[in-house]
C-alpha atoms as a PDB file:
ATOM      1  CA  MET A   1     143.718 136.600 121.481  1.00  0.00           C
ATOM      2  CA  PHE A   2     140.743 134.240 120.835  1.00  0.00           C
ATOM      3  CA  LYS A   3     140.163 132.562 117.467  1.00  0.00           C
ATOM      4  CA  ILE A   4     136.958 133.230 116.268  1.00  0.00           C
ATOM      5  CA  ASP A   5     135.099 130.126 114.952  1.00  0.00           C
ATOM      6  CA  LYS A   6     131.858 130.291 112.423  1.00  0.00           C
ATOM      7  CA  GLY A   7     129.331 127.735 111.707  1.00  0.00           C
ATOM      8  CA  ILE A   8     129.725 125.651 115.085  1.00  0.00           C
ATOM      9  CA  PRO A   9     126.322 124.943 116.385  1.00  0.00           C
ATOM     10  CA  ILE A  10     125.156 125.410 119.978  1.00  0.00           C
ATOM     11  CA  GLU A  11     125.003 122.221 122.083  1.00  0.00           C
ATOM     12  CA  LYS A  12     121.947 121.564 124.041  1.00  0.00           C
ATOM     13  CA  ALA A  13     122.440 122.796 127.789  1.00  0.00           C
ATOM     14  CA  GLN A  14     123.159 119.750 130.151  1.00  0.00           C
ATOM     15  CA  ARG A  15     121.247 120.889 133.481  1.00  0.00           C
ATOM     16  CA  GLN A  16     121.593 118.428 135.904  1.00  0.00           C
ATOM     17  CA  HIS A  17     120.369 120.048 139.092  1.00  0.00           C
ATOM     18  CA  ARG A  18     119.828 117.402 141.919  1.00  0.00           C
ATOM     19  CA  SER A  19     118.448 117.993 145.125  1.00  0.00           C
ATOM     20  CA  LYS A  20     119.988 116.205 148.327  1.00  0.00           C
ATOM     21  CA  TYR A  21     116.350 115.680 149.307  1.00  0.00           C
ATOM     22  CA  PRO A  22     114.099 113.223 147.498  1.00  0.00           C
ATOM     23  CA  PHE A  23     111.382 115.512 146.597  1.00  0.00           C
ATOM     24  CA  HIS A  24     111.240 114.304 142.957  1.00  0.00           C
ATOM     25  CA  ALA A  25     110.902 110.546 144.257  1.00  0.00           C
ATOM     26  CA  MET A  26     107.857 111.306 146.233  1.00  0.00           C
ATOM     27  CA  THR A  27     104.198 110.622 145.766  1.00  0.00           C
ATOM     28  CA  GLN A  28     101.392 111.991 147.467  1.00  0.00           C
ATOM     29  CA  GLY A  29     101.258 110.849 151.174  1.00  0.00           C
ATOM     30  CA  ASP A  30     105.071 109.923 151.117  1.00  0.00           C
ATOM     31  CA  SER A  31     107.132 111.703 153.825  1.00  0.00           C
ATOM     32  CA  PHE A  32     111.059 111.568 154.901  1.00  0.00           C
ATOM     33  CA  PHE A  33     112.960 112.494 158.349  1.00  0.00           C
ATOM     34  CA  THR A  34     116.045 114.443 158.315  1.00  0.00           C
ATOM     35  CA  PRO A  35     117.532 114.765 161.703  1.00  0.00           C
ATOM     36  CA  ILE A  36     118.485 118.150 163.046  1.00  0.00           C
ATOM     37  CA  LYS A  37     120.590 119.998 165.949  1.00  0.00           C
ATOM     38  CA  PRO A  38     118.082 121.963 168.069  1.00  0.00           C
ATOM     39  CA  VAL A  39     120.101 124.965 167.567  1.00  0.00           C
ATOM     40  CA  THR A  40     119.607 124.582 163.516  1.00  0.00           C
ATOM     41  CA  THR A  41     116.130 124.132 163.448  1.00  0.00           C
ATOM     42  CA  LYS A  42     115.164 127.347 161.895  1.00  0.00           C
ATOM     43  CA  GLN A  43     118.114 127.275 159.474  1.00  0.00           C
ATOM     44  CA  ARG A  44     117.436 123.744 158.256  1.00  0.00           C
ATOM     45  CA  MET A  45     113.558 124.622 157.872  1.00  0.00           C
ATOM     46  CA  GLY A  46     114.344 127.143 155.745  1.00  0.00           C
ATOM     47  CA  GLN A  47     116.534 125.035 153.555  1.00  0.00           C
ATOM     48  CA  LEU A  48     114.062 122.336 153.089  1.00  0.00           C
ATOM     49  CA  LYS A  49     111.269 124.888 152.409  1.00  0.00           C
ATOM     50  CA  SER A  50     113.395 126.627 149.837  1.00  0.00           C
ATOM     51  CA  ALA A  51     114.441 123.248 148.123  1.00  0.00           C
ATOM     52  CA  ALA A  52     110.791 122.277 148.221  1.00  0.00           C
ATOM     53  CA  PHE A  53     109.754 125.707 146.633  1.00  0.00           C
ATOM     54  CA  GLN A  54     112.338 125.255 143.905  1.00  0.00           C
ATOM     55  CA  CYS A  55     110.753 121.474 143.106  1.00  0.00           C
ATOM     56  CA  SER A  56     107.203 122.907 142.968  1.00  0.00           C
ATOM     57  CA  THR A  57     108.425 125.697 140.518  1.00  0.00           C
ATOM     58  CA  HIS A  58     108.517 122.576 138.231  1.00  0.00           C
ATOM     59  CA  HIS A  59     105.520 120.752 139.529  1.00  0.00           C
ATOM     60  CA  PRO A  60     103.170 123.656 140.558  1.00  0.00           C
ATOM     61  CA  GLU A  61     100.565 120.755 141.622  1.00  0.00           C
ATOM     62  CA  TRP A  62     102.838 119.430 144.230  1.00  0.00           C
ATOM     63  CA  LYS A  63     102.356 120.687 147.789  1.00  0.00           C
ATOM     64  CA  PHE A  64     104.449 119.747 150.973  1.00  0.00           C
ATOM     65  CA  ALA A  65     104.029 119.834 154.632  1.00  0.00           C
ATOM     66  CA  PHE A  66     106.664 120.346 157.069  1.00  0.00           C
ATOM     67  CA  ARG A  67     106.667 119.528 160.676  1.00  0.00           C
ATOM     68  CA  GLN A  68     109.427 119.594 163.532  1.00  0.00           C
ATOM     69  CA  VAL A  69     109.327 116.350 165.335  1.00  0.00           C
ATOM     70  CA  ASN A  70     111.049 113.856 167.680  1.00  0.00           C
ATOM     71  CA  GLU A  71     111.613 110.439 166.601  1.00  0.00           C
ATOM     72  CA  GLY A  72     112.909 107.806 168.674  1.00  0.00           C
ATOM     73  CA  GLY A  73     114.562 110.454 170.715  1.00  0.00           C
ATOM     74  CA  ILE A  74     116.181 112.208 167.672  1.00  0.00           C
ATOM     75  CA  ASP A  75     115.069 115.799 166.813  1.00  0.00           C
ATOM     76  CA  GLY A  76     114.018 116.535 163.261  1.00  0.00           C
ATOM     77  CA  ILE A  77     112.053 117.661 160.645  1.00  0.00           C
ATOM     78  CA  ARG A  78     109.621 115.327 158.882  1.00  0.00           C
ATOM     79  CA  ILE A  79     108.160 116.739 155.259  1.00  0.00           C
ATOM     80  CA  TRP A  80     105.267 115.096 153.568  1.00  0.00           C
ATOM     81  CA  ARG A  81     104.077 115.463 149.962  1.00  0.00           C
ATOM     82  CA  THR A  82     100.284 116.291 150.223  1.00  0.00           C
ATOM     83  CA  LYS A  83      99.507 116.863 146.856  1.00  0.00           C
END
């Protein structure tokens, strides 16, 4: 059984969703590299695009570009903020 309380104010929601990717810290022209295993390229690209899309719902003016690259012999994906 639950006790019913009256007159208790609703607390402000404390939403702290943080991306593991640094999209919010980026300015136009910035980029970052994330290494990947070749077998996970499509999966990781999808995760990154989904995370960028989520970020751009709060900042519709922000745009990102994604490229599969090899840097120093390491396969990965580089993401740029273009707008």
